[in-house]
Amino acid sequence: MSRDLQVDTDQLGRFTHALQESLTSLGEARRALEHVRADQLGTKELDEACDGFQERWKYGADQLGERIGTVHEGVKAGHGAYSEINRAIEAAFRAVAPGA
């Protein structure tokens, strides 16, 4: 049994844009936290907890950023490929039925 494949290239384009925005936001959040020093916050225990969080946050954010970047590149490539296919199909139909 076959099913029709339908790809909404506009939706792929919006998704590509959303992924890029998430990468930008993640980078901005990381840069903002880089300027916060644990020794500015209070007690020794709080400072140590904040240092630990900062280390885990950086590692996790780096990993998340890499994965989002990989997905972004794949979706972007897919969007470009489907858009090119659509243009080629349209050109083929125009060649077969000029003026249609």
PDB file of N, CA and C in Angstrom:
ATOM      1  N   MET A   1       0.844  -1.162   0.000  1.00  0.00           N
ATOM      2  CA  MET A   1       0.000   0.000   0.000  1.00  0.00           C
ATOM      3  C   MET A   1       0.898   1.236   0.000  1.00  0.00           C
ATOM      4  N   SER A   2       0.663   2.139  -0.938  1.00  0.00           N
ATOM      5  CA  SER A   2       1.465   3.356  -0.983  1.00  0.00           C
ATOM      6  C   SER A   2       0.646   4.532  -0.452  1.00  0.00           C
ATOM      7  N   ARG A   3       1.353   5.472   0.089  1.00  0.00           N
ATOM      8  CA  ARG A   3       0.725   6.697   0.594  1.00  0.00           C
ATOM      9  C   ARG A   3       1.409   7.880  -0.054  1.00  0.00           C
ATOM     10  N   ASP A   4       0.671   8.927  -0.232  1.00  0.00           N
ATOM     11  CA  ASP A   4       1.242  10.139  -0.823  1.00  0.00           C
ATOM     12  C   ASP A   4       2.122  10.848   0.195  1.00  0.00           C
ATOM     13  N   LEU A   5       3.252  11.295  -0.263  1.00  0.00           N
ATOM     14  CA  LEU A   5       4.145  12.090   0.568  1.00  0.00           C
ATOM     15  C   LEU A   5       3.867  13.555   0.278  1.00  0.00           C
ATOM     16  N   GLN A   6       3.572  14.288   1.314  1.00  0.00           N
ATOM     17  CA  GLN A   6       3.353  15.720   1.160  1.00  0.00           C
ATOM     18  C   GLN A   6       4.294  16.450   2.111  1.00  0.00           C
ATOM     19  N   VAL A   7       4.997  17.409   1.586  1.00  0.00           N
ATOM     20  CA  VAL A   7       5.918  18.202   2.391  1.00  0.00           C
ATOM     21  C   VAL A   7       5.522  19.662   2.255  1.00  0.00           C
ATOM     22  N   ASP A   8       5.265  20.289   3.379  1.00  0.00           N
ATOM     23  CA  ASP A   8       4.938  21.711   3.399  1.00  0.00           C
ATOM     24  C   ASP A   8       6.251  22.479   3.535  1.00  0.00           C
ATOM     25  N   THR A   9       6.766  22.968   2.410  1.00  0.00           N
ATOM     26  CA  THR A   9       8.064  23.640   2.426  1.00  0.00           C
ATOM     27  C   THR A   9       8.013  24.943   3.224  1.00  0.00           C
ATOM     28  N   ASP A  10       6.855  25.599   3.261  1.00  0.00           N
ATOM     29  CA  ASP A  10       6.740  26.806   4.085  1.00  0.00           C
ATOM     30  C   ASP A  10       6.921  26.455   5.562  1.00  0.00           C
ATOM     31  N   GLN A  11       6.312  25.343   5.976  1.00  0.00           N
ATOM     32  CA  GLN A  11       6.449  24.896   7.365  1.00  0.00           C
ATOM     33  C   GLN A  11       7.888  24.501   7.662  1.00  0.00           C
ATOM     34  N   LEU A  12       8.547  23.838   6.715  1.00  0.00           N
ATOM     35  CA  LEU A  12       9.964  23.503   6.904  1.00  0.00           C
ATOM     36  C   LEU A  12      10.802  24.771   7.056  1.00  0.00           C
ATOM     37  N   GLY A  13      10.481  25.772   6.284  1.00  0.00           N
ATOM     38  CA  GLY A  13      11.194  27.044   6.389  1.00  0.00           C
ATOM     39  C   GLY A  13      10.989  27.692   7.749  1.00  0.00           C
ATOM     40  N   ARG A  14       9.754  27.656   8.253  1.00  0.00           N
ATOM     41  CA  ARG A  14       9.478  28.223   9.581  1.00  0.00           C
ATOM     42  C   ARG A  14      10.203  27.426  10.668  1.00  0.00           C
ATOM     43  N   PHE A  15      10.236  26.106  10.510  1.00  0.00           N
ATOM     44  CA  PHE A  15      10.921  25.264  11.490  1.00  0.00           C
ATOM     45  C   PHE A  15      12.426  25.541  11.481  1.00  0.00           C
ATOM     46  N   THR A  16      12.989  25.709  10.296  1.00  0.00           N
ATOM     47  CA  THR A  16      14.406  26.053  10.178  1.00  0.00           C
ATOM     48  C   THR A  16      14.692  27.358  10.906  1.00  0.00           C
ATOM     49  N   HIS A  17      13.823  28.329  10.699  1.00  0.00           N
ATOM     50  CA  HIS A  17      13.978  29.635  11.355  1.00  0.00           C
ATOM     51  C   HIS A  17      13.863  29.490  12.878  1.00  0.00           C
ATOM     52  N   ALA A  18      12.896  28.703  13.347  1.00  0.00           N
ATOM     53  CA  ALA A  18      12.711  28.498  14.788  1.00  0.00           C
ATOM     54  C   ALA A  18      13.934  27.825  15.410  1.00  0.00           C
ATOM     55  N   LEU A  19      14.509  26.860  14.704  1.00  0.00           N
ATOM     56  CA  LEU A  19      15.719  26.210  15.211  1.00  0.00           C
ATOM     57  C   LEU A  19      16.869  27.206  15.300  1.00  0.00           C
ATOM     58  N   GLN A  20      17.010  28.049  14.293  1.00  0.00           N
ATOM     59  CA  GLN A  20      18.072  29.053  14.326  1.00  0.00           C
ATOM     60  C   GLN A  20      17.862  30.019  15.491  1.00  0.00           C
ATOM     61  N   GLU A  21      16.612  30.419  15.723  1.00  0.00           N
ATOM     62  CA  GLU A  21      16.319  31.309  16.848  1.00  0.00           C
ATOM     63  C   GLU A  21      16.645  30.638  18.181  1.00  0.00           C
ATOM     64  N   SER A  22      16.374  29.339  18.286  1.00  0.00           N
ATOM     65  CA  SER A  22      16.679  28.643  19.539  1.00  0.00           C
ATOM     66  C   SER A  22      18.182  28.580  19.769  1.00  0.00           C
ATOM     67  N   LEU A  23      18.957  28.392  18.704  1.00  0.00           N
ATOM     68  CA  LEU A  23      20.416  28.414  18.845  1.00  0.00           C
ATOM     69  C   LEU A  23      20.900  29.793  19.301  1.00  0.00           C
ATOM     70  N   THR A  24      20.325  30.819  18.734  1.00  0.00           N
ATOM     71  CA  THR A  24      20.688  32.185  19.113  1.00  0.00           C
ATOM     72  C   THR A  24      20.340  32.440  20.576  1.00  0.00           C
ATOM     73  N   SER A  25      19.134  32.060  20.990  1.00  0.00           N
ATOM     74  CA  SER A  25      18.702  32.265  22.373  1.00  0.00           C
ATOM     75  C   SER A  25      19.574  31.496  23.352  1.00  0.00           C
ATOM     76  N   LEU A  26      19.913  30.264  23.005  1.00  0.00           N
ATOM     77  CA  LEU A  26      20.768  29.455  23.866  1.00  0.00           C
ATOM     78  C   LEU A  26      22.131  30.121  24.023  1.00  0.00           C
ATOM     79  N   GLY A  27      22.672  30.595  22.936  1.00  0.00           N
ATOM     80  CA  GLY A  27      23.968  31.285  22.994  1.00  0.00           C
ATOM     81  C   GLY A  27      23.905  32.544  23.841  1.00  0.00           C
ATOM     82  N   GLU A  28      22.816  33.307  23.715  1.00  0.00           N
ATOM     83  CA  GLU A  28      22.661  34.523  24.512  1.00  0.00           C
ATOM     84  C   GLU A  28      22.550  34.198  25.996  1.00  0.00           C
ATOM     85  N   ALA A  29      21.808  33.142  26.333  1.00  0.00           N
ATOM     86  CA  ALA A  29      21.671  32.740  27.732  1.00  0.00           C
ATOM     87  C   ALA A  29      23.020  32.320  28.300  1.00  0.00           C
ATOM     88  N   ARG A  30      23.792  31.570  27.525  1.00  0.00           N
ATOM     89  CA  ARG A  30      25.114  31.144  27.994  1.00  0.00           C
ATOM     90  C   ARG A  30      26.037  32.335  28.203  1.00  0.00           C
ATOM     91  N   ARG A  31      26.008  33.282  27.280  1.00  0.00           N
ATOM     92  CA  ARG A  31      26.866  34.459  27.427  1.00  0.00           C
ATOM     93  C   ARG A  31      26.469  35.278  28.645  1.00  0.00           C
ATOM     94  N   ALA A  32      25.175  35.384  28.912  1.00  0.00           N
ATOM     95  CA  ALA A  32      24.711  36.145  30.069  1.00  0.00           C
ATOM     96  C   ALA A  32      25.176  35.495  31.370  1.00  0.00           C
ATOM     97  N   LEU A  33      25.127  34.171  31.427  1.00  0.00           N
ATOM     98  CA  LEU A  33      25.544  33.477  32.647  1.00  0.00           C
ATOM     99  C   LEU A  33      27.054  33.484  32.834  1.00  0.00           C
ATOM    100  N   GLU A  34      27.808  33.646  31.779  1.00  0.00           N
ATOM    101  CA  GLU A  34      29.266  33.674  31.904  1.00  0.00           C
ATOM    102  C   GLU A  34      29.735  34.848  32.755  1.00  0.00           C
ATOM    103  N   HIS A  35      28.939  35.912  32.797  1.00  0.00           N
ATOM    104  CA  HIS A  35      29.334  37.120  33.516  1.00  0.00           C
ATOM    105  C   HIS A  35      28.926  37.085  34.982  1.00  0.00           C
ATOM    106  N   VAL A  36      28.147  36.094  35.372  1.00  0.00           N
ATOM    107  CA  VAL A  36      27.726  35.980  36.761  1.00  0.00           C
ATOM    108  C   VAL A  36      28.783  35.185  37.502  1.00  0.00           C
ATOM    109  N   ARG A  37      29.292  35.768  38.547  1.00  0.00           N
ATOM    110  CA  ARG A  37      30.315  35.088  39.357  1.00  0.00           C
ATOM    111  C   ARG A  37      29.663  34.563  40.623  1.00  0.00           C
ATOM    112  N   ALA A  38      29.968  33.326  40.944  1.00  0.00           N
ATOM    113  CA  ALA A  38      29.376  32.697  42.118  1.00  0.00           C
ATOM    114  C   ALA A  38      29.738  33.443  43.392  1.00  0.00           C
ATOM    115  N   ASP A  39      30.935  34.029  43.467  1.00  0.00           N
ATOM    116  CA  ASP A  39      31.345  34.701  44.697  1.00  0.00           C
ATOM    117  C   ASP A  39      30.594  36.005  44.935  1.00  0.00           C
ATOM    118  N   GLN A  40      29.712  36.368  44.025  1.00  0.00           N
ATOM    119  CA  GLN A  40      28.897  37.578  44.184  1.00  0.00           C
ATOM    120  C   GLN A  40      27.547  37.281  44.833  1.00  0.00           C
ATOM    121  N   LEU A  41      27.253  36.024  45.073  1.00  0.00           N
ATOM    122  CA  LEU A  41      25.895  35.659  45.449  1.00  0.00           C
ATOM    123  C   LEU A  41      25.660  35.513  46.947  1.00  0.00           C
ATOM    124  N   GLY A  42      26.654  35.105  47.723  1.00  0.00           N
ATOM    125  CA  GLY A  42      26.367  34.979  49.144  1.00  0.00           C
ATOM    126  C   GLY A  42      27.260  34.000  49.864  1.00  0.00           C
ATOM    127  N   THR A  43      26.631  33.033  50.510  1.00  0.00           N
ATOM    128  CA  THR A  43      27.354  32.104  51.366  1.00  0.00           C
ATOM    129  C   THR A  43      28.272  31.192  50.564  1.00  0.00           C
ATOM    130  N   LYS A  44      29.224  30.581  51.258  1.00  0.00           N
ATOM    131  CA  LYS A  44      30.157  29.659  50.618  1.00  0.00           C
ATOM    132  C   LYS A  44      29.404  28.503  49.971  1.00  0.00           C
ATOM    133  N   GLU A  45      28.403  27.957  50.664  1.00  0.00           N
ATOM    134  CA  GLU A  45      27.633  26.834  50.133  1.00  0.00           C
ATOM    135  C   GLU A  45      26.882  27.240  48.862  1.00  0.00           C
ATOM    136  N   LEU A  46      26.299  28.416  48.893  1.00  0.00           N
ATOM    137  CA  LEU A  46      25.583  28.907  47.713  1.00  0.00           C
ATOM    138  C   LEU A  46      26.558  29.133  46.564  1.00  0.00           C
ATOM    139  N   ASP A  47      27.709  29.706  46.875  1.00  0.00           N
ATOM    140  CA  ASP A  47      28.723  29.937  45.848  1.00  0.00           C
ATOM    141  C   ASP A  47      29.162  28.622  45.204  1.00  0.00           C
ATOM    142  N   GLU A  48      29.395  27.591  46.024  1.00  0.00           N
ATOM    143  CA  GLU A  48      29.810  26.285  45.505  1.00  0.00           C
ATOM    144  C   GLU A  48      28.710  25.655  44.661  1.00  0.00           C
ATOM    145  N   ALA A  49      27.477  25.779  45.113  1.00  0.00           N
ATOM    146  CA  ALA A  49      26.349  25.226  44.350  1.00  0.00           C
ATOM    147  C   ALA A  49      26.235  25.940  43.000  1.00  0.00           C
ATOM    148  N   CYS A  50      26.420  27.237  43.029  1.00  0.00           N
ATOM    149  CA  CYS A  50      26.332  27.999  41.775  1.00  0.00           C
ATOM    150  C   CYS A  50      27.469  27.641  40.824  1.00  0.00           C
ATOM    151  N   ASP A  51      28.661  27.440  41.366  1.00  0.00           N
ATOM    152  CA  ASP A  51      29.790  27.020  40.524  1.00  0.00           C
ATOM    153  C   ASP A  51      29.486  25.677  39.862  1.00  0.00           C
ATOM    154  N   GLY A  52      28.937  24.738  40.653  1.00  0.00           N
ATOM    155  CA  GLY A  52      28.588  23.428  40.105  1.00  0.00           C
ATOM    156  C   GLY A  52      27.533  23.538  39.029  1.00  0.00           C
ATOM    157  N   PHE A  53      26.520  24.362  39.284  1.00  0.00           N
ATOM    158  CA  PHE A  53      25.478  24.555  38.278  1.00  0.00           C
ATOM    159  C   PHE A  53      26.070  25.145  37.015  1.00  0.00           C
ATOM    160  N   GLN A  54      26.928  26.136  37.168  1.00  0.00           N
ATOM    161  CA  GLN A  54      27.533  26.804  36.015  1.00  0.00           C
ATOM    162  C   GLN A  54      28.279  25.795  35.140  1.00  0.00           C
ATOM    163  N   GLU A  55      29.017  24.880  35.768  1.00  0.00           N
ATOM    164  CA  GLU A  55      29.758  23.871  35.011  1.00  0.00           C
ATOM    165  C   GLU A  55      28.812  22.915  34.285  1.00  0.00           C
ATOM    166  N   ARG A  56      27.772  22.447  34.994  1.00  0.00           N
ATOM    167  CA  ARG A  56      26.817  21.529  34.365  1.00  0.00           C
ATOM    168  C   ARG A  56      26.019  22.243  33.272  1.00  0.00           C
ATOM    169  N   TRP A  57      25.623  23.474  33.511  1.00  0.00           N
ATOM    170  CA  TRP A  57      24.867  24.248  32.529  1.00  0.00           C
ATOM    171  C   TRP A  57      25.690  24.421  31.259  1.00  0.00           C
ATOM    172  N   LYS A  58      26.963  24.760  31.384  1.00  0.00           N
ATOM    173  CA  LYS A  58      27.798  24.960  30.200  1.00  0.00           C
ATOM    174  C   LYS A  58      27.901  23.664  29.409  1.00  0.00           C
ATOM    175  N   TYR A  59      28.162  22.545  30.097  1.00  0.00           N
ATOM    176  CA  TYR A  59      28.277  21.271  29.401  1.00  0.00           C
ATOM    177  C   TYR A  59      26.961  20.919  28.711  1.00  0.00           C
ATOM    178  N   GLY A  60      25.857  21.006  29.438  1.00  0.00           N
ATOM    179  CA  GLY A  60      24.550  20.665  28.869  1.00  0.00           C
ATOM    180  C   GLY A  60      24.168  21.584  27.722  1.00  0.00           C
ATOM    181  N   ALA A  61      24.429  22.866  27.892  1.00  0.00           N
ATOM    182  CA  ALA A  61      24.100  23.826  26.838  1.00  0.00           C
ATOM    183  C   ALA A  61      24.940  23.579  25.586  1.00  0.00           C
ATOM    184  N   ASP A  62      26.217  23.227  25.792  1.00  0.00           N
ATOM    185  CA  ASP A  62      27.066  22.902  24.639  1.00  0.00           C
ATOM    186  C   ASP A  62      26.512  21.686  23.894  1.00  0.00           C
ATOM    187  N   GLN A  63      26.151  20.649  24.643  1.00  0.00           N
ATOM    188  CA  GLN A  63      25.611  19.434  24.026  1.00  0.00           C
ATOM    189  C   GLN A  63      24.299  19.728  23.302  1.00  0.00           C
ATOM    190  N   LEU A  64      23.416  20.468  23.951  1.00  0.00           N
ATOM    191  CA  LEU A  64      22.137  20.821  23.343  1.00  0.00           C
ATOM    192  C   LEU A  64      22.343  21.661  22.087  1.00  0.00           C
ATOM    193  N   GLY A  65      23.255  22.617  22.171  1.00  0.00           N
ATOM    194  CA  GLY A  65      23.544  23.455  21.010  1.00  0.00           C
ATOM    195  C   GLY A  65      24.043  22.643  19.824  1.00  0.00           C
ATOM    196  N   GLU A  66      24.903  21.675  20.081  1.00  0.00           N
ATOM    197  CA  GLU A  66      25.396  20.825  18.997  1.00  0.00           C
ATOM    198  C   GLU A  66      24.260  20.037  18.352  1.00  0.00           C
ATOM    199  N   ARG A  67      23.392  19.482  19.166  1.00  0.00           N
ATOM    200  CA  ARG A  67      22.285  18.679  18.632  1.00  0.00           C
ATOM    201  C   ARG A  67      21.290  19.545  17.861  1.00  0.00           C
ATOM    202  N   ILE A  68      20.970  20.714  18.403  1.00  0.00           N
ATOM    203  CA  ILE A  68      20.064  21.619  17.687  1.00  0.00           C
ATOM    204  C   ILE A  68      20.698  22.038  16.372  1.00  0.00           C
ATOM    205  N   GLY A  69      21.990  22.314  16.389  1.00  0.00           N
ATOM    206  CA  GLY A  69      22.691  22.693  15.161  1.00  0.00           C
ATOM    207  C   GLY A  69      22.637  21.598  14.114  1.00  0.00           C
ATOM    208  N   THR A  70      22.801  20.354  14.541  1.00  0.00           N
ATOM    209  CA  THR A  70      22.738  19.229  13.609  1.00  0.00           C
ATOM    210  C   THR A  70      21.346  19.100  13.002  1.00  0.00           C
ATOM    211  N   VAL A  71      20.319  19.190  13.855  1.00  0.00           N
ATOM    212  CA  VAL A  71      18.935  19.123  13.357  1.00  0.00           C
ATOM    213  C   VAL A  71      18.661  20.295  12.427  1.00  0.00           C
ATOM    214  N   HIS A  72      19.125  21.474  12.799  1.00  0.00           N
ATOM    215  CA  HIS A  72      18.913  22.667  11.972  1.00  0.00           C
ATOM    216  C   HIS A  72      19.501  22.477  10.579  1.00  0.00           C
ATOM    217  N   GLU A  73      20.724  21.983  10.510  1.00  0.00           N
ATOM    218  CA  GLU A  73      21.361  21.780   9.208  1.00  0.00           C
ATOM    219  C   GLU A  73      20.606  20.748   8.378  1.00  0.00           C
ATOM    220  N   GLY A  74      20.126  19.683   9.006  1.00  0.00           N
ATOM    221  CA  GLY A  74      19.366  18.663   8.286  1.00  0.00           C
ATOM    222  C   GLY A  74      18.045  19.188   7.757  1.00  0.00           C
ATOM    223  N   VAL A  75      17.326  19.927   8.598  1.00  0.00           N
ATOM    224  CA  VAL A  75      16.041  20.488   8.169  1.00  0.00           C
ATOM    225  C   VAL A  75      16.262  21.533   7.079  1.00  0.00           C
ATOM    226  N   LYS A  76      17.304  22.340   7.241  1.00  0.00           N
ATOM    227  CA  LYS A  76      17.624  23.353   6.228  1.00  0.00           C
ATOM    228  C   LYS A  76      17.937  22.693   4.884  1.00  0.00           C
ATOM    229  N   ALA A  77      18.719  21.613   4.915  1.00  0.00           N
ATOM    230  CA  ALA A  77      19.054  20.894   3.678  1.00  0.00           C
ATOM    231  C   ALA A  77      17.799  20.277   3.066  1.00  0.00           C
ATOM    232  N   GLY A  78      16.946  19.695   3.895  1.00  0.00           N
ATOM    233  CA  GLY A  78      15.694  19.119   3.405  1.00  0.00           C
ATOM    234  C   GLY A  78      14.796  20.170   2.789  1.00  0.00           C
ATOM    235  N   HIS A  79      14.708  21.314   3.447  1.00  0.00           N
ATOM    236  CA  HIS A  79      13.898  22.413   2.911  1.00  0.00           C
ATOM    237  C   HIS A  79      14.404  22.837   1.545  1.00  0.00           C
ATOM    238  N   GLY A  80      15.718  22.987   1.421  1.00  0.00           N
ATOM    239  CA  GLY A  80      16.292  23.370   0.128  1.00  0.00           C
ATOM    240  C   GLY A  80      16.043  22.332  -0.952  1.00  0.00           C
ATOM    241  N   ALA A  81      16.179  21.066  -0.584  1.00  0.00           N
ATOM    242  CA  ALA A  81      15.974  19.987  -1.563  1.00  0.00           C
ATOM    243  C   ALA A  81      14.521  19.931  -2.024  1.00  0.00           C
ATOM    244  N   TYR A  82      13.579  19.993  -1.080  1.00  0.00           N
ATOM    245  CA  TYR A  82      12.168  19.955  -1.463  1.00  0.00           C
ATOM    246  C   TYR A  82      11.767  21.181  -2.269  1.00  0.00           C
ATOM    247  N   SER A  83      12.309  22.329  -1.922  1.00  0.00           N
ATOM    248  CA  SER A  83      12.015  23.544  -2.689  1.00  0.00           C
ATOM    249  C   SER A  83      12.525  23.411  -4.122  1.00  0.00           C
ATOM    250  N   GLU A  84      13.729  22.853  -4.275  1.00  0.00           N
ATOM    251  CA  GLU A  84      14.298  22.651  -5.611  1.00  0.00           C
ATOM    252  C   GLU A  84      13.462  21.651  -6.415  1.00  0.00           C
ATOM    253  N   ILE A  85      13.012  20.586  -5.772  1.00  0.00           N
ATOM    254  CA  ILE A  85      12.148  19.611  -6.456  1.00  0.00           C
ATOM    255  C   ILE A  85      10.874  20.280  -6.926  1.00  0.00           C
ATOM    256  N   ASN A  86      10.274  21.088  -6.051  1.00  0.00           N
ATOM    257  CA  ASN A  86       9.042  21.795  -6.436  1.00  0.00           C
ATOM    258  C   ASN A  86       9.275  22.705  -7.640  1.00  0.00           C
ATOM    259  N   ARG A  87      10.397  23.418  -7.651  1.00  0.00           N
ATOM    260  CA  ARG A  87      10.709  24.291  -8.796  1.00  0.00           C
ATOM    261  C   ARG A  87      10.912  23.471 -10.066  1.00  0.00           C
ATOM    262  N   ALA A  88      11.581  22.332  -9.961  1.00  0.00           N
ATOM    263  CA  ALA A  88      11.822  21.481 -11.127  1.00  0.00           C
ATOM    264  C   ALA A  88      10.523  20.900 -11.671  1.00  0.00           C
ATOM    265  N   ILE A  89       9.640  20.480 -10.789  1.00  0.00           N
ATOM    266  CA  ILE A  89       8.345  19.942 -11.222  1.00  0.00           C
ATOM    267  C   ILE A  89       7.524  21.032 -11.905  1.00  0.00           C
ATOM    268  N   GLU A  90       7.529  22.218 -11.321  1.00  0.00           N
ATOM    269  CA  GLU A  90       6.794  23.332 -11.928  1.00  0.00           C
ATOM    270  C   GLU A  90       7.353  23.655 -13.313  1.00  0.00           C
ATOM    271  N   ALA A  91       8.682  23.662 -13.432  1.00  0.00           N
ATOM    272  CA  ALA A  91       9.311  23.950 -14.732  1.00  0.00           C
ATOM    273  C   ALA A  91       8.961  22.869 -15.749  1.00  0.00           C
ATOM    274  N   ALA A  92       8.921  21.621 -15.298  1.00  0.00           N
ATOM    275  CA  ALA A  92       8.568  20.504 -16.217  1.00  0.00           C
ATOM    276  C   ALA A  92       7.139  20.655 -16.703  1.00  0.00           C
ATOM    277  N   PHE A  93       6.216  20.991 -15.811  1.00  0.00           N
ATOM    278  CA  PHE A  93       4.827  21.182 -16.228  1.00  0.00           C
ATOM    279  C   PHE A  93       4.691  22.371 -17.189  1.00  0.00           C
ATOM    280  N   ARG A  94       5.436  23.420 -16.944  1.00  0.00           N
ATOM    281  CA  ARG A  94       5.379  24.588 -17.836  1.00  0.00           C
ATOM    282  C   ARG A  94       5.929  24.230 -19.221  1.00  0.00           C
ATOM    283  N   ALA A  95       6.946  23.387 -19.254  1.00  0.00           N
ATOM    284  CA  ALA A  95       7.525  22.977 -20.534  1.00  0.00           C
ATOM    285  C   ALA A  95       6.571  22.115 -21.332  1.00  0.00           C
ATOM    286  N   VAL A  96       5.793  21.293 -20.632  1.00  0.00           N
ATOM    287  CA  VAL A  96       4.842  20.402 -21.293  1.00  0.00           C
ATOM    288  C   VAL A  96       3.585  21.155 -21.731  1.00  0.00           C
ATOM    289  N   ALA A  97       3.144  22.076 -20.893  1.00  0.00           N
ATOM    290  CA  ALA A  97       1.923  22.832 -21.186  1.00  0.00           C
ATOM    291  C   ALA A  97       2.192  24.323 -21.080  1.00  0.00           C
ATOM    292  N   PRO A  98       2.873  24.884 -22.085  1.00  0.00           N
ATOM    293  CA  PRO A  98       3.171  26.323 -22.043  1.00  0.00           C
ATOM    294  C   PRO A  98       1.887  27.148 -21.937  1.00  0.00           C
ATOM    295  N   GLY A  99       1.976  28.190 -21.121  1.00  0.00           N
ATOM    296  CA  GLY A  99       0.826  29.083 -20.971  1.00  0.00           C
ATOM    297  C   GLY A  99      -0.217  28.579 -20.020  1.00  0.00           C
ATOM    298  N   ALA A 100       0.003  27.421 -19.394  1.00  0.00           N
ATOM    299  CA  ALA A 100      -0.983  26.882 -18.452  1.00  0.00           C
ATOM    300  C   ALA A 100      -0.820  27.461 -17.097  1.00  0.00           C
TER     301      ALA A 100
END
